[in-house]
Amino acid sequence: MSLPKLSMEERDRTLQNEQAITEGPQGQGETILFVEDNDLMREIGSQILEDMGYQVLRASNGEEALKIFKETEHIDLIFTDVVMPEIGGAALLRELRKAGSDIKAVAVTGHVLAEDVDQLREAGVISIIHKPYDVDILADAVRKALDNA
């Protein structure tokens, strides 16, 4: 079995990301529920967070995230895509608020309107980041949300 060849640009970008993972804000074992309907984005984002020292639970949509949240003793942060099938990020957070949770959250989206930002803030989102995002943006948003008292 052989690995695919990377162009020089892809190799350099991979090395920069690996360096950013080791130099950026690090986790301290906190548990993050990573909710993303795109399989590749979910796996890459989760792996980056694990490499930074976080414990990561994965969900492919809001409905699955609600189930995991209810079955898990402690989650420090939800990192959620805004637009997903079943239940989107804002609806997921509203459901958790109705159930009495004050979980911290970071939302990620490819496109967001001003009224969406207001709804996300009301649902408890601390940071909103835009796709595509890089390792530094991911690391900073997660650490900022976790450190926000």
Protein backbone atom coordinates (compact mmCIF):
# COMPACT_ATOMS: atom_id res chain seq x y z
CA MET A 1 0.00 0.00 0.00
CA SER A 2 1.36 3.40 -0.87
CA LEU A 3 0.41 6.81 0.40
CA PRO A 4 -0.68 9.50 -2.05
CA LYS A 5 2.02 11.91 -3.15
CA LEU A 6 1.69 15.42 -1.83
CA SER A 7 2.62 18.48 -3.84
CA MET A 8 5.25 20.74 -2.29
CA GLU A 9 2.50 23.22 -1.41
CA GLU A 10 0.41 20.53 0.34
CA ARG A 11 3.48 19.22 2.17
CA ASP A 12 4.39 22.72 3.37
CA ARG A 13 0.81 23.39 4.48
CA THR A 14 0.77 20.06 6.39
CA LEU A 15 4.05 20.93 8.12
CA GLN A 16 2.73 24.39 9.04
CA ASN A 17 -0.43 22.85 10.51
CA GLU A 18 1.60 20.35 12.54
CA GLN A 19 3.77 23.18 13.85
CA ALA A 20 0.69 25.26 14.69
CA ILE A 21 -0.76 22.33 16.65
CA THR A 22 2.33 22.16 18.85
CA GLU A 23 2.73 25.94 19.22
CA GLY A 24 -0.89 27.06 19.63
CA PRO A 25 -3.09 26.98 22.74
CA GLN A 26 -3.20 23.47 24.16
CA GLY A 27 -5.96 21.49 25.79
CA GLN A 28 -5.82 20.22 29.34
CA GLY A 29 -7.92 17.12 28.83
CA GLU A 30 -11.22 18.98 28.45
CA THR A 31 -14.02 17.10 26.68
CA ILE A 32 -15.36 18.59 23.46
CA LEU A 33 -18.40 17.37 21.55
CA PHE A 34 -17.53 18.00 17.88
CA VAL A 35 -20.71 18.19 15.78
CA GLU A 36 -20.22 18.29 11.99
CA ASP A 37 -22.18 16.61 9.20
CA ASN A 38 -19.23 16.53 6.77
CA ASP A 39 -17.33 13.32 7.56
CA LEU A 40 -13.94 14.61 6.47
CA MET A 41 -14.26 17.93 8.33
CA ARG A 42 -15.43 16.06 11.46
CA GLU A 43 -12.49 13.66 11.41
CA ILE A 44 -9.84 16.27 10.64
CA GLY A 45 -11.17 18.78 13.17
CA SER A 46 -11.51 16.12 15.86
CA GLN A 47 -8.01 14.80 15.23
CA ILE A 48 -6.51 18.28 15.45
CA LEU A 49 -8.23 18.85 18.79
CA GLU A 50 -7.08 15.46 20.09
CA ASP A 51 -3.53 16.29 19.03
CA MET A 52 -3.84 19.49 21.09
CA GLY A 53 -4.72 17.53 24.22
CA TYR A 54 -8.52 17.54 24.22
CA GLN A 55 -10.83 14.54 24.61
CA VAL A 56 -13.20 14.58 21.62
CA LEU A 57 -16.62 13.02 21.14
CA ARG A 58 -18.01 13.06 17.58
CA ALA A 59 -21.54 13.55 16.24
CA SER A 60 -22.69 13.84 12.63
CA ASN A 61 -25.74 16.02 13.37
CA GLY A 62 -27.62 17.75 16.17
CA GLU A 63 -29.88 14.80 16.90
CA GLU A 64 -26.89 12.50 17.43
CA ALA A 65 -25.22 15.22 19.52
CA LEU A 66 -28.26 15.46 21.84
CA LYS A 67 -28.10 11.71 22.40
CA ILE A 68 -24.36 11.77 23.14
CA PHE A 69 -24.78 14.79 25.43
CA LYS A 70 -27.49 13.04 27.46
CA GLU A 71 -25.40 9.85 27.74
CA THR A 72 -22.14 11.56 28.73
CA GLU A 73 -21.36 12.55 32.29
CA HIS A 74 -19.38 15.69 31.50
CA ILE A 75 -18.77 17.78 28.36
CA ASP A 76 -16.88 21.07 28.58
CA LEU A 77 -17.65 22.51 25.13
CA ILE A 78 -19.71 21.92 22.02
CA PHE A 79 -18.07 22.75 18.71
CA THR A 80 -20.90 22.69 16.18
CA ASP A 81 -21.56 23.34 12.54
CA VAL A 82 -24.51 25.70 12.10
CA VAL A 83 -26.18 24.12 9.05
CA MET A 84 -26.77 20.35 9.32
CA PRO A 85 -29.51 17.86 8.52
CA GLU A 86 -31.90 16.80 11.29
CA ILE A 87 -31.05 19.47 13.88
CA GLY A 88 -28.70 22.38 13.12
CA GLY A 89 -26.26 23.98 15.54
CA ALA A 90 -28.50 26.78 16.84
CA ALA A 91 -31.44 24.41 17.38
CA LEU A 92 -29.14 21.94 19.14
CA LEU A 93 -27.98 24.60 21.58
CA ARG A 94 -31.55 25.86 22.17
CA GLU A 95 -32.62 22.30 23.05
CA LEU A 96 -29.76 22.00 25.51
CA ARG A 97 -30.67 25.37 27.10
CA LYS A 98 -34.31 24.22 27.47
CA ALA A 99 -33.01 21.15 29.30
CA GLY A 100 -31.12 23.41 31.72
CA SER A 101 -27.60 23.14 30.32
CA ASP A 102 -25.31 26.15 30.23
CA ILE A 103 -22.73 24.42 28.02
CA LYS A 104 -20.20 26.65 26.29
CA ALA A 105 -20.23 26.54 22.48
CA VAL A 106 -18.29 27.47 19.37
CA ALA A 107 -20.17 27.57 16.06
CA VAL A 108 -18.65 27.11 12.62
CA THR A 109 -20.33 28.01 9.36
CA GLY A 110 -19.67 28.50 5.68
CA HIS A 111 -22.09 31.41 5.58
CA VAL A 112 -23.82 33.36 8.29
CA LEU A 113 -26.30 36.22 8.24
CA ALA A 114 -26.59 38.95 10.87
CA GLU A 115 -29.83 37.47 12.25
CA ASP A 116 -28.10 34.07 12.48
CA VAL A 117 -25.35 35.63 14.62
CA ASP A 118 -27.98 37.02 17.01
CA GLN A 119 -29.69 33.62 17.28
CA LEU A 120 -26.37 31.86 17.88
CA ARG A 121 -25.38 34.34 20.60
CA GLU A 122 -28.78 33.90 22.27
CA ALA A 123 -28.24 30.13 22.16
CA GLY A 124 -24.95 30.53 24.04
CA VAL A 125 -22.33 30.58 21.30
CA ILE A 126 -19.16 32.29 22.47
CA SER A 127 -17.25 32.26 19.16
CA ILE A 128 -18.33 31.96 15.54
CA ILE A 129 -15.71 30.89 13.04
CA HIS A 130 -16.01 30.67 9.29
CA LYS A 131 -15.15 27.80 6.97
CA PRO A 132 -12.57 27.17 5.85
CA TYR A 133 -10.68 27.69 9.08
CA ASP A 134 -7.08 26.88 9.92
CA VAL A 135 -5.52 25.28 12.97
CA ASP A 136 -4.72 28.60 14.67
CA ILE A 137 -8.31 29.84 14.36
CA LEU A 138 -9.68 26.52 15.65
CA ALA A 139 -7.25 26.44 18.59
CA ASP A 140 -7.87 30.06 19.57
CA ALA A 141 -11.68 29.81 19.35
CA VAL A 142 -11.81 26.65 21.46
CA ARG A 143 -9.40 27.93 24.12
CA LYS A 144 -11.19 31.32 24.29
CA ALA A 145 -14.57 29.60 24.74
CA LEU A 146 -13.26 27.24 27.42
CA ASP A 147 -11.55 30.05 29.33
CA ASN A 148 -14.62 32.31 29.14
CA ALA A 149 -16.18 32.20 32.61
